[in-house]
C-alpha atoms as a PDB file:
ATOM      1  CA  UNK A   1      95.742  47.881 104.581  1.00  0.00           C
ATOM      2  CA  UNK A   2      93.520  48.184 107.677  1.00  0.00           C
ATOM      3  CA  UNK A   3      95.782  50.938 108.999  1.00  0.00           C
ATOM      4  CA  UNK A   4      95.518  52.829 105.700  1.00  0.00           C
ATOM      5  CA  UNK A   5      91.731  52.513 105.751  1.00  0.00           C
ATOM      6  CA  UNK A   6      91.477  53.747 109.330  1.00  0.00           C
ATOM      7  CA  UNK A   7      93.915  56.590 108.688  1.00  0.00           C
ATOM      8  CA  UNK A   8      91.999  57.722 105.612  1.00  0.00           C
ATOM      9  CA  UNK A   9      88.738  57.597 107.562  1.00  0.00           C
ATOM     10  CA  UNK A  10      90.147  59.692 110.393  1.00  0.00           C
ATOM     11  CA  UNK A  11      91.569  62.151 107.872  1.00  0.00           C
ATOM     12  CA  UNK A  12      88.195  62.485 106.140  1.00  0.00           C
ATOM     13  CA  UNK A  13      86.367  63.166 109.413  1.00  0.00           C
ATOM     14  CA  UNK A  14      89.011  65.671 110.504  1.00  0.00           C
ATOM     15  CA  UNK A  15      89.038  67.402 107.136  1.00  0.00           C
ATOM     16  CA  UNK A  16      85.243  67.635 106.964  1.00  0.00           C
ATOM     17  CA  UNK A  17      85.375  69.655 110.161  1.00  0.00           C
ATOM     18  CA  UNK A  18      88.030  71.950 108.673  1.00  0.00           C
ATOM     19  CA  UNK A  19      86.415  72.788 105.369  1.00  0.00           C
ATOM     20  CA  UNK A  20      84.924  76.300 105.244  1.00  0.00           C
ATOM     21  CA  UNK A  21      81.167  76.444 105.075  1.00  0.00           C
ATOM     22  CA  UNK A  22      79.448  78.810 102.641  1.00  0.00           C
ATOM     23  CA  UNK A  23      75.748  79.502 102.292  1.00  0.00           C
ATOM     24  CA  UNK A  24      74.282  77.513  99.349  1.00  0.00           C
ATOM     25  CA  UNK A  25      74.403  79.710  96.226  1.00  0.00           C
ATOM     26  CA  UNK A  26      71.439  80.463  93.977  1.00  0.00           C
ATOM     27  CA  UNK A  27      71.246  79.269  90.378  1.00  0.00           C
ATOM     28  CA  UNK A  28      71.534  82.859  89.118  1.00  0.00           C
ATOM     29  CA  UNK A  29      74.749  83.369  91.132  1.00  0.00           C
ATOM     30  CA  UNK A  30      76.254  80.164  89.739  1.00  0.00           C
ATOM     31  CA  UNK A  31      75.331  81.310  86.228  1.00  0.00           C
ATOM     32  CA  UNK A  32      76.933  84.714  86.799  1.00  0.00           C
ATOM     33  CA  UNK A  33      80.288  83.313  87.944  1.00  0.00           C
ATOM     34  CA  UNK A  34      80.250  81.076  84.872  1.00  0.00           C
ATOM     35  CA  UNK A  35      80.790  84.175  82.705  1.00  0.00           C
ATOM     36  CA  UNK A  36      84.549  83.985  82.950  1.00  0.00           C
ATOM     37  CA  UNK A  37      87.150  86.080  81.250  1.00  0.00           C
ATOM     38  CA  UNK A  38      89.180  84.448  78.522  1.00  0.00           C
ATOM     39  CA  UNK A  39      92.533  85.587  77.210  1.00  0.00           C
ATOM     40  CA  UNK A  40      94.036  85.989  73.784  1.00  0.00           C
ATOM     41  CA  UNK A  41      95.412  82.883  72.117  1.00  0.00           C
ATOM     42  CA  UNK A  42      98.916  84.321  71.850  1.00  0.00           C
ATOM     43  CA  UNK A  43     101.410  84.858  74.663  1.00  0.00           C
ATOM     44  CA  UNK A  44     100.919  88.596  75.153  1.00  0.00           C
ATOM     45  CA  UNK A  45      98.944  88.120  78.404  1.00  0.00           C
ATOM     46  CA  UNK A  46      99.818  91.231  80.383  1.00  0.00           C
ATOM     47  CA  UNK A  47      97.223  91.334  83.161  1.00  0.00           C
ATOM     48  CA  UNK A  48      99.100  91.568  86.464  1.00  0.00           C
ATOM     49  CA  UNK A  49      99.107  88.910  89.139  1.00  0.00           C
ATOM     50  CA  UNK A  50      96.424  89.071  91.800  1.00  0.00           C
ATOM     51  CA  UNK A  51      96.366  87.176  95.091  1.00  0.00           C
ATOM     52  CA  UNK A  52      94.713  83.791  95.559  1.00  0.00           C
ATOM     53  CA  UNK A  53      93.451  83.390  91.980  1.00  0.00           C
ATOM     54  CA  UNK A  54      95.363  82.013  88.998  1.00  0.00           C
ATOM     55  CA  UNK A  55      94.902  83.634  85.570  1.00  0.00           C
ATOM     56  CA  UNK A  56      92.678  82.111  82.879  1.00  0.00           C
ATOM     57  CA  UNK A  57      94.304  79.089  81.293  1.00  0.00           C
ATOM     58  CA  UNK A  58      96.178  79.394  78.016  1.00  0.00           C
ATOM     59  CA  UNK A  59      93.910  78.199  75.220  1.00  0.00           C
ATOM     60  CA  UNK A  60      96.157  75.276  74.238  1.00  0.00           C
ATOM     61  CA  UNK A  61      96.149  73.778  77.732  1.00  0.00           C
ATOM     62  CA  UNK A  62      92.468  74.435  78.189  1.00  0.00           C
ATOM     63  CA  UNK A  63      91.622  72.821  74.828  1.00  0.00           C
ATOM     64  CA  UNK A  64      93.615  69.724  75.742  1.00  0.00           C
ATOM     65  CA  UNK A  65      91.827  69.367  79.079  1.00  0.00           C
ATOM     66  CA  UNK A  66      88.397  69.904  77.501  1.00  0.00           C
ATOM     67  CA  UNK A  67      89.086  67.412  74.711  1.00  0.00           C
ATOM     68  CA  UNK A  68      90.624  64.555  76.690  1.00  0.00           C
ATOM     69  CA  UNK A  69      89.451  65.221  80.232  1.00  0.00           C
ATOM     70  CA  UNK A  70      86.894  63.485  82.408  1.00  0.00           C
ATOM     71  CA  UNK A  71      84.114  65.592  83.932  1.00  0.00           C
ATOM     72  CA  UNK A  72      83.215  65.154  87.589  1.00  0.00           C
ATOM     73  CA  UNK A  73      80.319  66.774  89.428  1.00  0.00           C
ATOM     74  CA  UNK A  74      81.105  67.812  92.973  1.00  0.00           C
ATOM     75  CA  UNK A  75      78.797  68.782  95.790  1.00  0.00           C
ATOM     76  CA  UNK A  76      79.789  71.569  98.169  1.00  0.00           C
ATOM     77  CA  UNK A  77      82.733  70.483 100.360  1.00  0.00           C
ATOM     78  CA  UNK A  78      83.515  67.393  98.283  1.00  0.00           C
ATOM     79  CA  UNK A  79      87.227  66.764  97.577  1.00  0.00           C
ATOM     80  CA  UNK A  80      88.321  67.562  94.031  1.00  0.00           C
ATOM     81  CA  UNK A  81      90.370  64.369  93.755  1.00  0.00           C
ATOM     82  CA  UNK A  82      87.911  61.918  95.287  1.00  0.00           C
ATOM     83  CA  UNK A  83      89.581  61.764  98.709  1.00  0.00           C
ATOM     84  CA  UNK A  84      91.492  64.507 100.473  1.00  0.00           C
ATOM     85  CA  UNK A  85      94.488  62.186 100.881  1.00  0.00           C
ATOM     86  CA  UNK A  86      94.640  61.144  97.205  1.00  0.00           C
ATOM     87  CA  UNK A  87      97.877  61.633  95.313  1.00  0.00           C
ATOM     88  CA  UNK A  88      97.877  64.735  93.112  1.00  0.00           C
ATOM     89  CA  UNK A  89      98.593  63.210  89.706  1.00  0.00           C
ATOM     90  CA  UNK A  90      95.931  64.977  87.623  1.00  0.00           C
ATOM     91  CA  UNK A  91      95.612  68.403  86.072  1.00  0.00           C
ATOM     92  CA  UNK A  92      92.163  69.673  87.078  1.00  0.00           C
ATOM     93  CA  UNK A  93      90.324  72.658  85.581  1.00  0.00           C
ATOM     94  CA  UNK A  94      87.122  74.177  86.951  1.00  0.00           C
ATOM     95  CA  UNK A  95      84.283  74.115  84.414  1.00  0.00           C
ATOM     96  CA  UNK A  96      81.617  75.567  86.706  1.00  0.00           C
ATOM     97  CA  UNK A  97      81.382  76.518  90.356  1.00  0.00           C
ATOM     98  CA  UNK A  98      84.308  77.410  92.650  1.00  0.00           C
ATOM     99  CA  UNK A  99      86.922  75.196  94.267  1.00  0.00           C
ATOM    100  CA  UNK A 100      89.320  75.998  97.083  1.00  0.00           C
ATOM    101  CA  UNK A 101      92.862  74.990  97.862  1.00  0.00           C
ATOM    102  CA  UNK A 102      94.121  75.161 101.416  1.00  0.00           C
ATOM    103  CA  UNK A 103      97.745  75.920 102.110  1.00  0.00           C
ATOM    104  CA  UNK A 104      99.648  73.685 104.496  1.00  0.00           C
ATOM    105  CA  UNK A 105      98.710  70.568 106.390  1.00  0.00           C
ATOM    106  CA  UNK A 106      95.262  70.737 107.912  1.00  0.00           C
ATOM    107  CA  UNK A 107      96.396  68.352 110.676  1.00  0.00           C
ATOM    108  CA  UNK A 108      98.113  71.152 112.553  1.00  0.00           C
ATOM    109  CA  UNK A 109      96.466  74.318 111.245  1.00  0.00           C
ATOM    110  CA  UNK A 110      93.350  75.558 113.006  1.00  0.00           C
ATOM    111  CA  UNK A 111      92.562  78.026 110.244  1.00  0.00           C
ATOM    112  CA  UNK A 112      94.360  77.145 106.999  1.00  0.00           C
ATOM    113  CA  UNK A 113      94.877  79.926 104.470  1.00  0.00           C
ATOM    114  CA  UNK A 114      92.978  79.359 101.254  1.00  0.00           C
ATOM    115  CA  UNK A 115      93.089  80.323  97.588  1.00  0.00           C
ATOM    116  CA  UNK A 116      90.251  79.646  95.164  1.00  0.00           C
ATOM    117  CA  UNK A 117      89.634  78.697  91.533  1.00  0.00           C
ATOM    118  CA  UNK A 118      86.796  79.800  89.269  1.00  0.00           C
ATOM    119  CA  UNK A 119      85.704  78.548  85.815  1.00  0.00           C
ATOM    120  CA  UNK A 120      88.510  78.451  83.277  1.00  0.00           C
ATOM    121  CA  UNK A 121      91.218  78.226  85.965  1.00  0.00           C
ATOM    122  CA  UNK A 122      93.192  75.324  87.413  1.00  0.00           C
ATOM    123  CA  UNK A 123      91.933  73.713  90.601  1.00  0.00           C
ATOM    124  CA  UNK A 124      95.116  71.692  91.135  1.00  0.00           C
ATOM    125  CA  UNK A 125      97.869  69.744  89.430  1.00  0.00           C
ATOM    126  CA  UNK A 126     100.316  72.518  88.588  1.00  0.00           C
ATOM    127  CA  UNK A 127     102.276  72.593  91.835  1.00  0.00           C
ATOM    128  CA  UNK A 128     103.998  69.213  91.450  1.00  0.00           C
ATOM    129  CA  UNK A 129     103.698  68.795  87.694  1.00  0.00           C
ATOM    130  CA  UNK A 130     107.418  68.479  86.955  1.00  0.00           C
ATOM    131  CA  UNK A 131     108.696  66.940  90.201  1.00  0.00           C
ATOM    132  CA  UNK A 132     105.708  64.670  90.998  1.00  0.00           C
ATOM    133  CA  UNK A 133     106.370  65.296  94.679  1.00  0.00           C
ATOM    134  CA  UNK A 134     103.617  65.412  97.309  1.00  0.00           C
ATOM    135  CA  UNK A 135     101.647  68.671  97.400  1.00  0.00           C
ATOM    136  CA  UNK A 136     101.278  70.575 100.641  1.00  0.00           C
ATOM    137  CA  UNK A 137      97.596  71.336 100.357  1.00  0.00           C
ATOM    138  CA  UNK A 138      94.022  70.101 100.080  1.00  0.00           C
ATOM    139  CA  UNK A 139      91.515  70.691  97.283  1.00  0.00           C
ATOM    140  CA  UNK A 140      87.714  70.730  97.429  1.00  0.00           C
ATOM    141  CA  UNK A 141      84.568  72.377  96.073  1.00  0.00           C
ATOM    142  CA  UNK A 142      83.310  75.465  97.878  1.00  0.00           C
ATOM    143  CA  UNK A 143      79.964  75.311  96.056  1.00  0.00           C
ATOM    144  CA  UNK A 144      78.415  72.713  93.696  1.00  0.00           C
ATOM    145  CA  UNK A 145      80.988  72.499  90.911  1.00  0.00           C
ATOM    146  CA  UNK A 146      81.999  70.613  87.790  1.00  0.00           C
ATOM    147  CA  UNK A 147      85.691  69.945  87.180  1.00  0.00           C
ATOM    148  CA  UNK A 148      87.527  68.395  84.228  1.00  0.00           C
ATOM    149  CA  UNK A 149      90.661  66.363  84.859  1.00  0.00           C
ATOM    150  CA  UNK A 150      93.388  64.749  82.753  1.00  0.00           C
ATOM    151  CA  UNK A 151      96.388  62.738  83.937  1.00  0.00           C
ATOM    152  CA  UNK A 152      99.454  64.910  84.410  1.00  0.00           C
ATOM    153  CA  UNK A 153     101.318  62.293  82.380  1.00  0.00           C
ATOM    154  CA  UNK A 154      99.304  63.186  79.255  1.00  0.00           C
ATOM    155  CA  UNK A 155     100.457  66.802  79.183  1.00  0.00           C
ATOM    156  CA  UNK A 156     103.908  65.836  80.451  1.00  0.00           C
ATOM    157  CA  UNK A 157     104.475  63.480  77.514  1.00  0.00           C
ATOM    158  CA  UNK A 158     103.344  66.211  75.123  1.00  0.00           C
ATOM    159  CA  UNK A 159     105.805  68.650  76.700  1.00  0.00           C
ATOM    160  CA  UNK A 160     108.619  66.159  76.133  1.00  0.00           C
ATOM    161  CA  UNK A 161     107.858  66.168  72.402  1.00  0.00           C
ATOM    162  CA  UNK A 162     106.820  69.800  71.900  1.00  0.00           C
ATOM    163  CA  UNK A 163     109.192  72.534  73.163  1.00  0.00           C
ATOM    164  CA  UNK A 164     106.592  75.224  72.468  1.00  0.00           C
ATOM    165  CA  UNK A 165     104.050  73.491  74.697  1.00  0.00           C
ATOM    166  CA  UNK A 166     106.718  72.996  77.346  1.00  0.00           C
ATOM    167  CA  UNK A 167     107.331  76.751  77.469  1.00  0.00           C
ATOM    168  CA  UNK A 168     103.591  77.469  77.575  1.00  0.00           C
ATOM    169  CA  UNK A 169     103.149  75.098  80.513  1.00  0.00           C
ATOM    170  CA  UNK A 170     106.173  76.523  82.338  1.00  0.00           C
ATOM    171  CA  UNK A 171     104.867  80.084  81.966  1.00  0.00           C
ATOM    172  CA  UNK A 172     101.323  79.132  82.997  1.00  0.00           C
ATOM    173  CA  UNK A 173     102.391  77.334  86.135  1.00  0.00           C
ATOM    174  CA  UNK A 174     104.765  80.176  86.998  1.00  0.00           C
ATOM    175  CA  UNK A 175     101.819  82.605  86.817  1.00  0.00           C
ATOM    176  CA  UNK A 176      99.917  80.431  89.314  1.00  0.00           C
ATOM    177  CA  UNK A 177     102.921  80.435  91.656  1.00  0.00           C
ATOM    178  CA  UNK A 178     103.268  84.214  91.383  1.00  0.00           C
ATOM    179  CA  UNK A 179      99.603  84.639  92.353  1.00  0.00           C
ATOM    180  CA  UNK A 180     100.024  82.383  95.376  1.00  0.00           C
ATOM    181  CA  UNK A 181     103.265  84.149  96.330  1.00  0.00           C
ATOM    182  CA  UNK A 182     101.457  87.498  96.211  1.00  0.00           C
ATOM    183  CA  UNK A 183      98.732  86.017  98.407  1.00  0.00           C
ATOM    184  CA  UNK A 184     101.327  85.044 101.018  1.00  0.00           C
ATOM    185  CA  UNK A 185     102.677  88.593 100.902  1.00  0.00           C
ATOM    186  CA  UNK A 186      99.216  90.070 101.458  1.00  0.00           C
ATOM    187  CA  UNK A 187      98.627  87.754 104.436  1.00  0.00           C
ATOM    188  CA  UNK A 188     101.975  88.732 105.932  1.00  0.00           C
ATOM    189  CA  UNK A 189     102.152  92.462 105.313  1.00  0.00           C
ATOM    190  CA  UNK A 190      98.595  93.858 105.328  1.00  0.00           C
ATOM    191  CA  UNK A 191      95.963  94.233 108.021  1.00  0.00           C
ATOM    192  CA  UNK A 192      92.597  92.479 107.894  1.00  0.00           C
ATOM    193  CA  UNK A 193      90.632  95.265 106.205  1.00  0.00           C
ATOM    194  CA  UNK A 194      93.286  95.719 103.517  1.00  0.00           C
ATOM    195  CA  UNK A 195      93.434  91.938 103.012  1.00  0.00           C
ATOM    196  CA  UNK A 196      89.674  91.990 102.501  1.00  0.00           C
ATOM    197  CA  UNK A 197      90.063  94.783  99.949  1.00  0.00           C
ATOM    198  CA  UNK A 198      92.793  92.758  98.202  1.00  0.00           C
ATOM    199  CA  UNK A 199      90.303  89.908  97.896  1.00  0.00           C
ATOM    200  CA  UNK A 200      87.650  92.319  96.555  1.00  0.00           C
ATOM    201  CA  UNK A 201      90.184  93.517  93.947  1.00  0.00           C
ATOM    202  CA  UNK A 202      90.850  89.947  92.815  1.00  0.00           C
ATOM    203  CA  UNK A 203      87.108  89.244  92.642  1.00  0.00           C
ATOM    204  CA  UNK A 204      86.625  92.516  90.753  1.00  0.00           C
ATOM    205  CA  UNK A 205      89.246  91.669  88.125  1.00  0.00           C
ATOM    206  CA  UNK A 206      87.599  88.270  87.668  1.00  0.00           C
ATOM    207  CA  UNK A 207      83.960  89.401  87.486  1.00  0.00           C
ATOM    208  CA  UNK A 208      83.527  93.143  87.934  1.00  0.00           C
ATOM    209  CA  UNK A 209      81.724  95.624  85.693  1.00  0.00           C
ATOM    210  CA  UNK A 210      81.895  99.357  86.273  1.00  0.00           C
ATOM    211  CA  UNK A 211      78.681 101.273  86.950  1.00  0.00           C
ATOM    212  CA  UNK A 212      78.597 105.034  87.372  1.00  0.00           C
ATOM    213  CA  UNK A 213      75.928 106.010  89.901  1.00  0.00           C
ATOM    214  CA  UNK A 214      75.388 109.722  90.624  1.00  0.00           C
ATOM    215  CA  UNK A 215      78.832 110.476  89.264  1.00  0.00           C
ATOM    216  CA  UNK A 216      80.599 107.853  91.403  1.00  0.00           C
ATOM    217  CA  UNK A 217      82.335 104.783  89.945  1.00  0.00           C
ATOM    218  CA  UNK A 218      81.146 101.528  91.472  1.00  0.00           C
ATOM    219  CA  UNK A 219      82.045  97.955  90.560  1.00  0.00           C
ATOM    220  CA  UNK A 220      79.213  95.449  90.413  1.00  0.00           C
ATOM    221  CA  UNK A 221      80.240  91.866  91.082  1.00  0.00           C
ATOM    222  CA  UNK A 222      78.475  88.597  91.846  1.00  0.00           C
ATOM    223  CA  UNK A 223      78.152  88.310  95.617  1.00  0.00           C
ATOM    224  CA  UNK A 224      81.648  87.593  96.986  1.00  0.00           C
ATOM    225  CA  UNK A 225      82.528  84.504  98.969  1.00  0.00           C
ATOM    226  CA  UNK A 226      80.913  84.476 102.395  1.00  0.00           C
ATOM    227  CA  UNK A 227      81.299  82.996 105.852  1.00  0.00           C
ATOM    228  CA  UNK A 228      84.218  80.692 106.562  1.00  0.00           C
ATOM    229  CA  UNK A 229      85.186  80.559 102.881  1.00  0.00           C
ATOM    230  CA  UNK A 230      85.905  84.305 102.892  1.00  0.00           C
ATOM    231  CA  UNK A 231      87.410  84.056 106.365  1.00  0.00           C
ATOM    232  CA  UNK A 232      89.921  81.463 105.158  1.00  0.00           C
ATOM    233  CA  UNK A 233      90.895  83.524 102.086  1.00  0.00           C
ATOM    234  CA  UNK A 234      91.407  86.681 104.141  1.00  0.00           C
ATOM    235  CA  UNK A 235      93.001  84.465 106.823  1.00  0.00           C
ATOM    236  CA  UNK A 236      91.461  86.004 109.915  1.00  0.00           C
ATOM    237  CA  UNK A 237      89.036  85.249 112.709  1.00  0.00           C
ATOM    238  CA  UNK A 238      85.275  85.442 112.188  1.00  0.00           C
ATOM    239  CA  UNK A 239      85.086  88.476 114.493  1.00  0.00           C
ATOM    240  CA  UNK A 240      87.850  90.312 112.600  1.00  0.00           C
ATOM    241  CA  UNK A 241      86.146  89.634 109.285  1.00  0.00           C
ATOM    242  CA  UNK A 242      82.815  90.936 110.570  1.00  0.00           C
ATOM    243  CA  UNK A 243      84.497  94.122 111.800  1.00  0.00           C
ATOM    244  CA  UNK A 244      86.217  94.675 108.456  1.00  0.00           C
ATOM    245  CA  UNK A 245      83.001  94.091 106.500  1.00  0.00           C
ATOM    246  CA  UNK A 246      81.091  96.321 108.916  1.00  0.00           C
ATOM    247  CA  UNK A 247      83.600  99.145 108.470  1.00  0.00           C
ATOM    248  CA  UNK A 248      83.338  98.978 104.672  1.00  0.00           C
ATOM    249  CA  UNK A 249      79.540  98.961 104.831  1.00  0.00           C
ATOM    250  CA  UNK A 250      79.266 101.799 107.361  1.00  0.00           C
ATOM    251  CA  UNK A 251      81.664 103.959 105.335  1.00  0.00           C
ATOM    252  CA  UNK A 252      79.461 103.458 102.279  1.00  0.00           C
ATOM    253  CA  UNK A 253      82.100 101.566 100.282  1.00  0.00           C
ATOM    254  CA  UNK A 254      80.424  98.148 100.135  1.00  0.00           C
ATOM    255  CA  UNK A 255      76.755  97.422  99.459  1.00  0.00           C
ATOM    256  CA  UNK A 256      75.692  93.748  99.341  1.00  0.00           C
ATOM    257  CA  UNK A 257      72.552  93.119  97.257  1.00  0.00           C
ATOM    258  CA  UNK A 258      71.361  89.508  97.392  1.00  0.00           C
ATOM    259  CA  UNK A 259      73.242  87.742  94.572  1.00  0.00           C
ATOM    260  CA  UNK A 260      75.428  90.742  93.736  1.00  0.00           C
ATOM    261  CA  UNK A 261      77.312  93.526  95.464  1.00  0.00           C
ATOM    262  CA  UNK A 262      78.543  97.043  94.762  1.00  0.00           C
ATOM    263  CA  UNK A 263      82.081  98.053  95.723  1.00  0.00           C
ATOM    264  CA  UNK A 264      83.204 101.661  95.409  1.00  0.00           C
ATOM    265  CA  UNK A 265      86.149 101.751  93.002  1.00  0.00           C
ATOM    266  CA  UNK A 266      87.926 104.483  94.945  1.00  0.00           C
ATOM    267  CA  UNK A 267      88.221 102.438  98.143  1.00  0.00           C
ATOM    268  CA  UNK A 268      90.192  99.692  96.356  1.00  0.00           C
ATOM    269  CA  UNK A 269      92.756 101.948  94.697  1.00  0.00           C
ATOM    270  CA  UNK A 270      95.261 102.309  97.602  1.00  0.00           C
ATOM    271  CA  UNK A 271      95.532  98.534  98.034  1.00  0.00           C
ATOM    272  CA  UNK A 272      95.746  98.090  94.270  1.00  0.00           C
ATOM    273  CA  UNK A 273      98.657 100.533  94.181  1.00  0.00           C
ATOM    274  CA  UNK A 274     100.294  98.569  97.013  1.00  0.00           C
ATOM    275  CA  UNK A 275      99.901  95.312  95.071  1.00  0.00           C
ATOM    276  CA  UNK A 276     101.626  96.850  92.079  1.00  0.00           C
ATOM    277  CA  UNK A 277     104.336  98.666  94.037  1.00  0.00           C
ATOM    278  CA  UNK A 278     105.308  95.569  96.009  1.00  0.00           C
ATOM    279  CA  UNK A 279     106.579  94.136  92.725  1.00  0.00           C
ATOM    280  CA  UNK A 280     110.085  94.856  91.408  1.00  0.00           C
ATOM    281  CA  UNK A 281     110.354  98.522  90.507  1.00  0.00           C
ATOM    282  CA  UNK A 282     112.464  97.656  87.467  1.00  0.00           C
ATOM    283  CA  UNK A 283     109.343  96.353  85.694  1.00  0.00           C
ATOM    284  CA  UNK A 284     106.739  98.764  84.376  1.00  0.00           C
ATOM    285  CA  UNK A 285     104.579  96.064  82.785  1.00  0.00           C
ATOM    286  CA  UNK A 286     101.940  95.972  85.514  1.00  0.00           C
ATOM    287  CA  UNK A 287     101.458  99.596  86.485  1.00  0.00           C
ATOM    288  CA  UNK A 288      98.120 100.074  84.694  1.00  0.00           C
ATOM    289  CA  UNK A 289      95.311 101.580  86.805  1.00  0.00           C
ATOM    290  CA  UNK A 290      92.622  99.192  88.014  1.00  0.00           C
ATOM    291  CA  UNK A 291      90.021 100.888  85.822  1.00  0.00           C
ATOM    292  CA  UNK A 292      92.095 100.214  82.685  1.00  0.00           C
ATOM    293  CA  UNK A 293      92.636  96.582  83.688  1.00  0.00           C
ATOM    294  CA  UNK A 294      88.891  96.123  84.113  1.00  0.00           C
ATOM    295  CA  UNK A 295      88.328  97.461  80.592  1.00  0.00           C
ATOM    296  CA  UNK A 296      90.887  94.985  79.232  1.00  0.00           C
ATOM    297  CA  UNK A 297      89.376  91.986  80.998  1.00  0.00           C
ATOM    298  CA  UNK A 298      85.672  92.670  80.422  1.00  0.00           C
ATOM    299  CA  UNK A 299      83.649  89.426  80.203  1.00  0.00           C
ATOM    300  CA  UNK A 300      82.835  88.156  76.754  1.00  0.00           C
END
């Protein structure tokens, strides 16, 4: 028991030093990212996968979590599950704020790769839902957040009785895995500036609205992740991230504006085409242009 206590304490101290820091967000920024994009109640969801961000939850799973779940308020950098070493036996959805999930063991990784979850998306609990095996990852709030959690066993027991729900859950968790798999591909195959643009595309699909300024299409988004949080998602050094951001700014493709930012639509199109073309050529489901996808996913 003493050994477990000491080990947990060491883990907490080590992990606190590993968690990415992000400048405290304003209330208006938190409100803006709370305007999340829902999906239809049927199973015709056809928005393609994007790296590091799972799709909005199917309404049946979301309703179950909202009805039976327990809300928890988290400060920035607080673990989603109470302690970073806690067993993942809950299904956790983000109600407000943003949470992160680090890939791999943070014991031996100086700069762990990270994905993130926004309101209406899962923070954790999908990866080991059927096997109940240990998860290779850590989960925590990037900014002040509220999460809702239910025991995995609640949904699991429902799946045992309801084949339709079982198929919904299987499809949903597969979509999360496909997003993470695409994120690994981006980390492996693209350079830093293109990885940054891939993140901007994901952020755009989640929050972006098109604005035409002097005949040019721009996408306005809430200010993207910053500092180490963005560095961990793009999976690069601080210096490399600053160079990539500087290049986009100096070329006139990225204009940060306090709690929001403008990204030129044109600069994201080559990476968006790469994301779609890296998929199996036999499928034509996800070949829609980015502009059309934005029109389909406009916030309510």
